[in-house]
Structure formats: C-alpha cells, structure tokens
Amino acid sequence: MSYLELQRYLSINDEQLEMVLPEKEGNVTKSNIPYIQFGYKYYFPVKAIDKWLTETEAETFK
C-alpha cells in the first residue's frame, strides 16, 4: 500500500497519518509501523499492517 492507501485502510486523517509514518533521523529511518522502502518511496504490506494492528491493539488493552 502507498501512503494514501494506508490512510484509507486505517481510516485516519492527515495528522494521524503523519504520526505513524517512518521518520528519517540522519542515516536511520525509524518507524513503529512496518514498511518496505524502494528508493525514496515507502510501501506498507497489508499482512504486516494487519499483524501490527493486532499486536498494537493487544498492547493497548494490557
């Protein structure tokens, strides 16, 4: 999925999307959400996003 597809998939607004997107800090990219990077573009695999959502939800309710 692209950024826009991820936003639609998660049903979140622009500000919420910015909070979960990968952030570049020097030569390192940090992210809480799973992604694949090809060149300058980030992609978000559906299965990995679903797993991340399940794990994040489980942590929230602990």
PDB file of N, CA and C in Angstrom:
ATOM      1  N   MET A   1       0.836  -1.175   0.000  1.00  0.00           N
ATOM      2  CA  MET A   1       0.000   0.000   0.000  1.00  0.00           C
ATOM      3  C   MET A   1       0.885   1.244   0.000  1.00  0.00           C
ATOM      4  N   SER A   2       0.388   2.274  -0.601  1.00  0.00           N
ATOM      5  CA  SER A   2       1.060   3.577  -0.582  1.00  0.00           C
ATOM      6  C   SER A   2       0.595   4.353   0.654  1.00  0.00           C
ATOM      7  N   TYR A   3       1.122   5.569   0.843  1.00  0.00           N
ATOM      8  CA  TYR A   3       0.683   6.422   1.954  1.00  0.00           C
ATOM      9  C   TYR A   3      -0.834   6.611   1.940  1.00  0.00           C
ATOM     10  N   LEU A   4      -1.360   6.995   0.783  1.00  0.00           N
ATOM     11  CA  LEU A   4      -2.789   7.272   0.656  1.00  0.00           C
ATOM     12  C   LEU A   4      -3.620   6.017   0.916  1.00  0.00           C
ATOM     13  N   GLU A   5      -3.179   4.897   0.370  1.00  0.00           N
ATOM     14  CA  GLU A   5      -3.894   3.640   0.600  1.00  0.00           C
ATOM     15  C   GLU A   5      -3.862   3.259   2.079  1.00  0.00           C
ATOM     16  N   LEU A   6      -2.721   3.481   2.737  1.00  0.00           N
ATOM     17  CA  LEU A   6      -2.604   3.209   4.166  1.00  0.00           C
ATOM     18  C   LEU A   6      -3.568   4.096   4.949  1.00  0.00           C
ATOM     19  N   GLN A   7      -3.628   5.357   4.586  1.00  0.00           N
ATOM     20  CA  GLN A   7      -4.524   6.293   5.264  1.00  0.00           C
ATOM     21  C   GLN A   7      -5.975   5.835   5.135  1.00  0.00           C
ATOM     22  N   ARG A   8      -6.362   5.439   3.955  1.00  0.00           N
ATOM     23  CA  ARG A   8      -7.730   4.944   3.740  1.00  0.00           C
ATOM     24  C   ARG A   8      -7.963   3.646   4.500  1.00  0.00           C
ATOM     25  N   TYR A   9      -6.998   2.752   4.455  1.00  0.00           N
ATOM     26  CA  TYR A   9      -7.111   1.444   5.113  1.00  0.00           C
ATOM     27  C   TYR A   9      -7.307   1.600   6.618  1.00  0.00           C
ATOM     28  N   LEU A  10      -6.584   2.553   7.211  1.00  0.00           N
ATOM     29  CA  LEU A  10      -6.670   2.775   8.657  1.00  0.00           C
ATOM     30  C   LEU A  10      -7.782   3.758   9.039  1.00  0.00           C
ATOM     31  N   SER A  11      -8.393   4.381   8.039  1.00  0.00           N
ATOM     32  CA  SER A  11      -9.451   5.383   8.264  1.00  0.00           C
ATOM     33  C   SER A  11      -8.970   6.489   9.199  1.00  0.00           C
ATOM     34  N   ILE A  12      -7.841   7.090   8.828  1.00  0.00           N
ATOM     35  CA  ILE A  12      -7.257   8.151   9.647  1.00  0.00           C
ATOM     36  C   ILE A  12      -7.083   9.420   8.814  1.00  0.00           C
ATOM     37  N   ASN A  13      -6.958  10.556   9.507  1.00  0.00           N
ATOM     38  CA  ASN A  13      -6.778  11.824   8.795  1.00  0.00           C
ATOM     39  C   ASN A  13      -5.287  12.082   8.542  1.00  0.00           C
ATOM     40  N   ASP A  14      -4.988  13.193   7.879  1.00  0.00           N
ATOM     41  CA  ASP A  14      -3.602  13.526   7.515  1.00  0.00           C
ATOM     42  C   ASP A  14      -2.690  13.627   8.743  1.00  0.00           C
ATOM     43  N   GLU A  15      -3.187  14.284   9.789  1.00  0.00           N
ATOM     44  CA  GLU A  15      -2.385  14.469  11.000  1.00  0.00           C
ATOM     45  C   GLU A  15      -2.067  13.121  11.662  1.00  0.00           C
ATOM     46  N   GLN A  16      -3.044  12.240  11.718  1.00  0.00           N
ATOM     47  CA  GLN A  16      -2.830  10.915  12.303  1.00  0.00           C
ATOM     48  C   GLN A  16      -1.860  10.097  11.459  1.00  0.00           C
ATOM     49  N   LEU A  17      -1.955  10.244  10.145  1.00  0.00           N
ATOM     50  CA  LEU A  17      -1.041   9.538   9.251  1.00  0.00           C
ATOM     51  C   LEU A  17       0.397   9.964   9.512  1.00  0.00           C
ATOM     52  N   GLU A  18       0.626  11.254   9.658  1.00  0.00           N
ATOM     53  CA  GLU A  18       1.974  11.765   9.932  1.00  0.00           C
ATOM     54  C   GLU A  18       2.565  11.155  11.200  1.00  0.00           C
ATOM     55  N   MET A  19       1.707  10.848  12.173  1.00  0.00           N
ATOM     56  CA  MET A  19       2.172  10.295  13.445  1.00  0.00           C
ATOM     57  C   MET A  19       2.702   8.871  13.309  1.00  0.00           C
ATOM     58  N   VAL A  20       2.223   8.115  12.315  1.00  0.00           N
ATOM     59  CA  VAL A  20       2.642   6.717  12.178  1.00  0.00           C
ATOM     60  C   VAL A  20       3.664   6.482  11.070  1.00  0.00           C
ATOM     61  N   LEU A  21       3.868   7.462  10.212  1.00  0.00           N
ATOM     62  CA  LEU A  21       4.792   7.270   9.092  1.00  0.00           C
ATOM     63  C   LEU A  21       6.243   7.183   9.562  1.00  0.00           C
ATOM     64  N   PRO A  22       7.075   6.477   8.790  1.00  0.00           N
ATOM     65  CA  PRO A  22       8.506   6.401   9.116  1.00  0.00           C
ATOM     66  C   PRO A  22       9.139   7.792   9.127  1.00  0.00           C
ATOM     67  N   GLU A  23      10.081   8.006  10.056  1.00  0.00           N
ATOM     68  CA  GLU A  23      10.801   9.278  10.153  1.00  0.00           C
ATOM     69  C   GLU A  23      12.283   9.042   9.958  1.00  0.00           C
ATOM     70  N   LYS A  24      12.889   9.855   9.129  1.00  0.00           N
ATOM     71  CA  LYS A  24      14.325   9.754   8.871  1.00  0.00           C
ATOM     72  C   LYS A  24      15.077  10.606   9.881  1.00  0.00           C
ATOM     73  N   GLU A  25      16.027   9.980  10.571  1.00  0.00           N
ATOM     74  CA  GLU A  25      16.892  10.678  11.527  1.00  0.00           C
ATOM     75  C   GLU A  25      18.329  10.380  11.134  1.00  0.00           C
ATOM     76  N   GLY A  26      18.927  11.312  10.402  1.00  0.00           N
ATOM     77  CA  GLY A  26      20.271  11.081   9.879  1.00  0.00           C
ATOM     78  C   GLY A  26      20.230   9.989   8.826  1.00  0.00           C
ATOM     79  N   ASN A  27      21.027   8.944   9.018  1.00  0.00           N
ATOM     80  CA  ASN A  27      21.059   7.823   8.078  1.00  0.00           C
ATOM     81  C   ASN A  27      20.120   6.697   8.479  1.00  0.00           C
ATOM     82  N   VAL A  28      19.356   6.907   9.549  1.00  0.00           N
ATOM     83  CA  VAL A  28      18.479   5.864  10.081  1.00  0.00           C
ATOM     84  C   VAL A  28      17.021   6.284   9.916  1.00  0.00           C
ATOM     85  N   THR A  29      16.184   5.342   9.491  1.00  0.00           N
ATOM     86  CA  THR A  29      14.750   5.587   9.412  1.00  0.00           C
ATOM     87  C   THR A  29      14.081   4.823  10.540  1.00  0.00           C
ATOM     88  N   LYS A  30      13.327   5.549  11.364  1.00  0.00           N
ATOM     89  CA  LYS A  30      12.634   4.939  12.497  1.00  0.00           C
ATOM     90  C   LYS A  30      11.146   4.870  12.201  1.00  0.00           C
ATOM     91  N   SER A  31      10.533   3.763  12.629  1.00  0.00           N
ATOM     92  CA  SER A  31       9.105   3.602  12.407  1.00  0.00           C
ATOM     93  C   SER A  31       8.534   2.585  13.375  1.00  0.00           C
ATOM     94  N   ASN A  32       7.334   2.853  13.858  1.00  0.00           N
ATOM     95  CA  ASN A  32       6.604   1.871  14.653  1.00  0.00           C
ATOM     96  C   ASN A  32       5.756   0.978  13.762  1.00  0.00           C
ATOM     97  N   ILE A  33       5.518   1.428  12.559  1.00  0.00           N
ATOM     98  CA  ILE A  33       4.665   0.701  11.628  1.00  0.00           C
ATOM     99  C   ILE A  33       5.549  -0.003  10.594  1.00  0.00           C
ATOM    100  N   PRO A  34       5.210  -1.241  10.222  1.00  0.00           N
ATOM    101  CA  PRO A  34       6.050  -1.955   9.256  1.00  0.00           C
ATOM    102  C   PRO A  34       5.979  -1.332   7.856  1.00  0.00           C
ATOM    103  N   TYR A  35       7.125  -1.310   7.192  1.00  0.00           N
ATOM    104  CA  TYR A  35       7.185  -0.737   5.848  1.00  0.00           C
ATOM    105  C   TYR A  35       8.310  -1.388   5.048  1.00  0.00           C
ATOM    106  N   ILE A  36       8.236  -1.176   3.743  1.00  0.00           N
ATOM    107  CA  ILE A  36       9.302  -1.569   2.817  1.00  0.00           C
ATOM    108  C   ILE A  36       9.668  -0.301   2.058  1.00  0.00           C
ATOM    109  N   GLN A  37      10.953  -0.059   1.884  1.00  0.00           N
ATOM    110  CA  GLN A  37      11.392   1.133   1.167  1.00  0.00           C
ATOM    111  C   GLN A  37      12.057   0.733  -0.139  1.00  0.00           C
ATOM    112  N   PHE A  38      11.578   1.336  -1.232  1.00  0.00           N
ATOM    113  CA  PHE A  38      12.188   1.183  -2.547  1.00  0.00           C
ATOM    114  C   PHE A  38      12.616   2.570  -2.990  1.00  0.00           C
ATOM    115  N   GLY A  39      13.911   2.817  -2.972  1.00  0.00           N
ATOM    116  CA  GLY A  39      14.393   4.152  -3.310  1.00  0.00           C
ATOM    117  C   GLY A  39      13.898   5.146  -2.282  1.00  0.00           C
ATOM    118  N   TYR A  40      13.150   6.144  -2.750  1.00  0.00           N
ATOM    119  CA  TYR A  40      12.612   7.163  -1.845  1.00  0.00           C
ATOM    120  C   TYR A  40      11.160   6.894  -1.455  1.00  0.00           C
ATOM    121  N   LYS A  41      10.598   5.790  -1.940  1.00  0.00           N
ATOM    122  CA  LYS A  41       9.186   5.503  -1.680  1.00  0.00           C
ATOM    123  C   LYS A  41       9.031   4.437  -0.606  1.00  0.00           C
ATOM    124  N   TYR A  42       8.007   4.617   0.223  1.00  0.00           N
ATOM    125  CA  TYR A  42       7.679   3.656   1.266  1.00  0.00           C
ATOM    126  C   TYR A  42       6.399   2.927   0.878  1.00  0.00           C
ATOM    127  N   TYR A  43       6.377   1.635   1.153  1.00  0.00           N
ATOM    128  CA  TYR A  43       5.196   0.815   0.923  1.00  0.00           C
ATOM    129  C   TYR A  43       4.884   0.052   2.198  1.00  0.00           C
ATOM    130  N   PHE A  44       3.598  -0.216   2.405  1.00  0.00           N
ATOM    131  CA  PHE A  44       3.138  -0.835   3.635  1.00  0.00           C
ATOM    132  C   PHE A  44       2.381  -2.118   3.295  1.00  0.00           C
ATOM    133  N   PRO A  45       3.009  -3.295   3.524  1.00  0.00           N
ATOM    134  CA  PRO A  45       2.373  -4.570   3.191  1.00  0.00           C
ATOM    135  C   PRO A  45       1.131  -4.808   4.063  1.00  0.00           C
ATOM    136  N   VAL A  46       0.031  -5.177   3.437  1.00  0.00           N
ATOM    137  CA  VAL A  46      -1.242  -5.352   4.139  1.00  0.00           C
ATOM    138  C   VAL A  46      -1.129  -6.365   5.276  1.00  0.00           C
ATOM    139  N   LYS A  47      -0.541  -7.518   5.029  1.00  0.00           N
ATOM    140  CA  LYS A  47      -0.430  -8.541   6.077  1.00  0.00           C
ATOM    141  C   LYS A  47       0.386  -8.032   7.260  1.00  0.00           C
ATOM    142  N   ALA A  48       1.457  -7.308   6.995  1.00  0.00           N
ATOM    143  CA  ALA A  48       2.293  -6.766   8.071  1.00  0.00           C
ATOM    144  C   ALA A  48       1.536  -5.686   8.847  1.00  0.00           C
ATOM    145  N   ILE A  49       0.748  -4.884   8.152  1.00  0.00           N
ATOM    146  CA  ILE A  49      -0.054  -3.851   8.818  1.00  0.00           C
ATOM    147  C   ILE A  49      -1.111  -4.507   9.698  1.00  0.00           C
ATOM    148  N   ASP A  50      -1.769  -5.541   9.188  1.00  0.00           N
ATOM    149  CA  ASP A  50      -2.778  -6.253   9.977  1.00  0.00           C
ATOM    150  C   ASP A  50      -2.167  -6.853  11.239  1.00  0.00           C
ATOM    151  N   LYS A  51      -0.992  -7.445  11.109  1.00  0.00           N
ATOM    152  CA  LYS A  51      -0.306  -8.025  12.270  1.00  0.00           C
ATOM    153  C   LYS A  51       0.059  -6.925  13.264  1.00  0.00           C
ATOM    154  N   TRP A  52       0.584  -5.821  12.773  1.00  0.00           N
ATOM    155  CA  TRP A  52       0.953  -4.692  13.621  1.00  0.00           C
ATOM    156  C   TRP A  52      -0.267  -4.160  14.367  1.00  0.00           C
ATOM    157  N   LEU A  53      -1.402  -4.048  13.677  1.00  0.00           N
ATOM    158  CA  LEU A  53      -2.627  -3.572  14.318  1.00  0.00           C
ATOM    159  C   LEU A  53      -3.061  -4.509  15.440  1.00  0.00           C
ATOM    160  N   THR A  54      -3.008  -5.806  15.177  1.00  0.00           N
ATOM    161  CA  THR A  54      -3.391  -6.800  16.182  1.00  0.00           C
ATOM    162  C   THR A  54      -2.480  -6.722  17.398  1.00  0.00           C
ATOM    163  N   GLU A  55      -1.177  -6.636  17.171  1.00  0.00           N
ATOM    164  CA  GLU A  55      -0.214  -6.562  18.276  1.00  0.00           C
ATOM    165  C   GLU A  55      -0.348  -5.253  19.049  1.00  0.00           C
ATOM    166  N   THR A  56      -0.558  -4.158  18.338  1.00  0.00           N
ATOM    167  CA  THR A  56      -0.703  -2.852  18.978  1.00  0.00           C
ATOM    168  C   THR A  56      -1.979  -2.809  19.805  1.00  0.00           C
ATOM    169  N   GLU A  57      -3.039  -3.372  19.264  1.00  0.00           N
ATOM    170  CA  GLU A  57      -4.312  -3.418  19.982  1.00  0.00           C
ATOM    171  C   GLU A  57      -4.175  -4.251  21.255  1.00  0.00           C
ATOM    172  N   ALA A  58      -3.483  -5.380  21.164  1.00  0.00           N
ATOM    173  CA  ALA A  58      -3.276  -6.243  22.329  1.00  0.00           C
ATOM    174  C   ALA A  58      -2.485  -5.513  23.407  1.00  0.00           C
ATOM    175  N   GLU A  59      -1.470  -4.748  23.027  1.00  0.00           N
ATOM    176  CA  GLU A  59      -0.665  -3.985  23.989  1.00  0.00           C
ATOM    177  C   GLU A  59      -1.494  -2.886  24.648  1.00  0.00           C
ATOM    178  N   THR A  60      -2.391  -2.284  23.890  1.00  0.00           N
ATOM    179  CA  THR A  60      -3.217  -1.199  24.403  1.00  0.00           C
ATOM    180  C   THR A  60      -4.144  -1.680  25.513  1.00  0.00           C
ATOM    181  N   PHE A  61      -4.637  -2.906  25.374  1.00  0.00           N
ATOM    182  CA  PHE A  61      -5.604  -3.422  26.337  1.00  0.00           C
ATOM    183  C   PHE A  61      -4.978  -4.192  27.484  1.00  0.00           C
ATOM    184  N   LYS A  62      -3.654  -4.230  27.581  1.00  0.00           N
ATOM    185  CA  LYS A  62      -2.992  -4.935  28.686  1.00  0.00           C
ATOM    186  C   LYS A  62      -3.100  -4.137  29.955  1.00  0.00           C
TER     187      LYS A  62
END
